[in-house]
C-alpha atoms as a PDB file:
ATOM      1  CA  UNK A   1     -24.116  11.308  49.330  1.00  0.00           C
ATOM      2  CA  UNK A   2     -21.994   8.710  51.098  1.00  0.00           C
ATOM      3  CA  UNK A   3     -20.756  10.040  54.476  1.00  0.00           C
ATOM      4  CA  UNK A   4     -17.343   8.375  54.096  1.00  0.00           C
ATOM      5  CA  UNK A   5     -16.915  10.147  50.747  1.00  0.00           C
ATOM      6  CA  UNK A   6     -17.713  13.491  52.396  1.00  0.00           C
ATOM      7  CA  UNK A   7     -15.149  12.825  55.117  1.00  0.00           C
ATOM      8  CA  UNK A   8     -12.506  11.845  52.566  1.00  0.00           C
ATOM      9  CA  UNK A   9     -13.180  14.958  50.483  1.00  0.00           C
ATOM     10  CA  UNK A  10     -13.172  17.151  53.586  1.00  0.00           C
ATOM     11  CA  UNK A  11      -9.820  15.773  54.729  1.00  0.00           C
ATOM     12  CA  UNK A  12      -8.347  16.263  51.252  1.00  0.00           C
ATOM     13  CA  UNK A  13      -9.559  19.877  51.103  1.00  0.00           C
ATOM     14  CA  UNK A  14      -8.262  20.519  54.631  1.00  0.00           C
ATOM     15  CA  UNK A  15      -4.804  19.254  53.697  1.00  0.00           C
ATOM     16  CA  UNK A  16      -4.694  21.014  50.337  1.00  0.00           C
ATOM     17  CA  UNK A  17      -6.256  24.366  51.254  1.00  0.00           C
ATOM     18  CA  UNK A  18      -5.918  24.896  54.994  1.00  0.00           C
ATOM     19  CA  UNK A  19      -2.558  23.255  55.616  1.00  0.00           C
ATOM     20  CA  UNK A  20      -1.236  24.240  52.209  1.00  0.00           C
ATOM     21  CA  UNK A  21      -2.368  27.862  51.908  1.00  0.00           C
ATOM     22  CA  UNK A  22      -4.217  29.267  54.910  1.00  0.00           C
ATOM     23  CA  UNK A  23      -2.790  27.862  58.129  1.00  0.00           C
ATOM     24  CA  UNK A  24      -0.116  30.477  58.878  1.00  0.00           C
ATOM     25  CA  UNK A  25      -2.355  33.370  57.832  1.00  0.00           C
ATOM     26  CA  UNK A  26      -5.411  32.276  59.808  1.00  0.00           C
ATOM     27  CA  UNK A  27      -3.530  31.162  62.904  1.00  0.00           C
ATOM     28  CA  UNK A  28      -1.925  34.607  63.098  1.00  0.00           C
ATOM     29  CA  UNK A  29      -5.151  36.546  62.488  1.00  0.00           C
ATOM     30  CA  UNK A  30      -7.976  34.338  63.774  1.00  0.00           C
ATOM     31  CA  UNK A  31      -6.564  31.915  66.366  1.00  0.00           C
ATOM     32  CA  UNK A  32      -9.347  30.111  68.233  1.00  0.00           C
ATOM     33  CA  UNK A  33     -12.100  31.055  65.784  1.00  0.00           C
ATOM     34  CA  UNK A  34     -14.140  28.479  63.899  1.00  0.00           C
ATOM     35  CA  UNK A  35     -13.657  27.959  60.183  1.00  0.00           C
ATOM     36  CA  UNK A  36     -16.221  26.270  57.944  1.00  0.00           C
ATOM     37  CA  UNK A  37     -14.319  25.221  54.829  1.00  0.00           C
ATOM     38  CA  UNK A  38     -16.224  24.399  51.628  1.00  0.00           C
ATOM     39  CA  UNK A  39     -14.972  20.943  50.638  1.00  0.00           C
ATOM     40  CA  UNK A  40     -15.633  21.577  46.943  1.00  0.00           C
ATOM     41  CA  UNK A  41     -14.268  25.097  46.436  1.00  0.00           C
ATOM     42  CA  UNK A  42     -11.870  25.722  49.329  1.00  0.00           C
ATOM     43  CA  UNK A  43     -13.727  28.924  50.227  1.00  0.00           C
ATOM     44  CA  UNK A  44     -14.449  29.464  53.902  1.00  0.00           C
ATOM     45  CA  UNK A  45     -16.190  31.543  56.542  1.00  0.00           C
ATOM     46  CA  UNK A  46     -14.927  32.460  60.017  1.00  0.00           C
ATOM     47  CA  UNK A  47     -16.951  32.938  63.186  1.00  0.00           C
ATOM     48  CA  UNK A  48     -16.611  32.980  66.954  1.00  0.00           C
ATOM     49  CA  UNK A  49     -18.653  29.805  67.463  1.00  0.00           C
ATOM     50  CA  UNK A  50     -19.182  26.632  65.471  1.00  0.00           C
ATOM     51  CA  UNK A  51     -22.902  27.369  65.215  1.00  0.00           C
ATOM     52  CA  UNK A  52     -22.258  30.841  63.772  1.00  0.00           C
ATOM     53  CA  UNK A  53     -19.741  29.426  61.290  1.00  0.00           C
ATOM     54  CA  UNK A  54     -22.246  26.851  60.066  1.00  0.00           C
ATOM     55  CA  UNK A  55     -25.029  29.459  59.799  1.00  0.00           C
ATOM     56  CA  UNK A  56     -22.795  31.760  57.758  1.00  0.00           C
ATOM     57  CA  UNK A  57     -21.658  28.836  55.632  1.00  0.00           C
ATOM     58  CA  UNK A  58     -25.246  27.834  54.826  1.00  0.00           C
ATOM     59  CA  UNK A  59     -26.138  31.443  53.955  1.00  0.00           C
ATOM     60  CA  UNK A  60     -23.170  31.743  51.593  1.00  0.00           C
ATOM     61  CA  UNK A  61     -22.930  28.188  50.202  1.00  0.00           C
ATOM     62  CA  UNK A  62     -26.457  26.786  50.317  1.00  0.00           C
ATOM     63  CA  UNK A  63     -25.526  23.685  48.323  1.00  0.00           C
ATOM     64  CA  UNK A  64     -22.015  23.181  49.738  1.00  0.00           C
ATOM     65  CA  UNK A  65     -20.690  20.776  52.345  1.00  0.00           C
ATOM     66  CA  UNK A  66     -18.633  22.231  55.215  1.00  0.00           C
ATOM     67  CA  UNK A  67     -15.529  20.897  56.918  1.00  0.00           C
ATOM     68  CA  UNK A  68     -15.494  22.551  60.331  1.00  0.00           C
ATOM     69  CA  UNK A  69     -12.302  23.251  62.257  1.00  0.00           C
ATOM     70  CA  UNK A  70     -11.198  25.463  65.118  1.00  0.00           C
ATOM     71  CA  UNK A  71      -8.169  27.466  64.056  1.00  0.00           C
ATOM     72  CA  UNK A  72      -4.999  26.570  65.913  1.00  0.00           C
ATOM     73  CA  UNK A  73      -6.569  23.673  67.805  1.00  0.00           C
ATOM     74  CA  UNK A  74      -5.970  19.952  67.340  1.00  0.00           C
ATOM     75  CA  UNK A  75      -8.527  18.229  65.132  1.00  0.00           C
ATOM     76  CA  UNK A  76     -10.680  15.464  66.546  1.00  0.00           C
ATOM     77  CA  UNK A  77     -11.089  12.788  63.897  1.00  0.00           C
ATOM     78  CA  UNK A  78     -12.802   9.516  64.716  1.00  0.00           C
END
């Protein structure tokens, strides 16, 4: 799959799901944790570290592509 397509889809899911539905809830309950967001379904996993979030994501969504963020922190997009 084309990496630029994955980035575009990840950004779209972030805006639609995280900013649209989850931001207030997760920032109140899980500030500073890592969130691996499934770019196809909008489902997610939370963990203390990025590595743990990705491990949990792979266990739950073996075929999915994650969009990783840290809750409440500015995103670094290049």
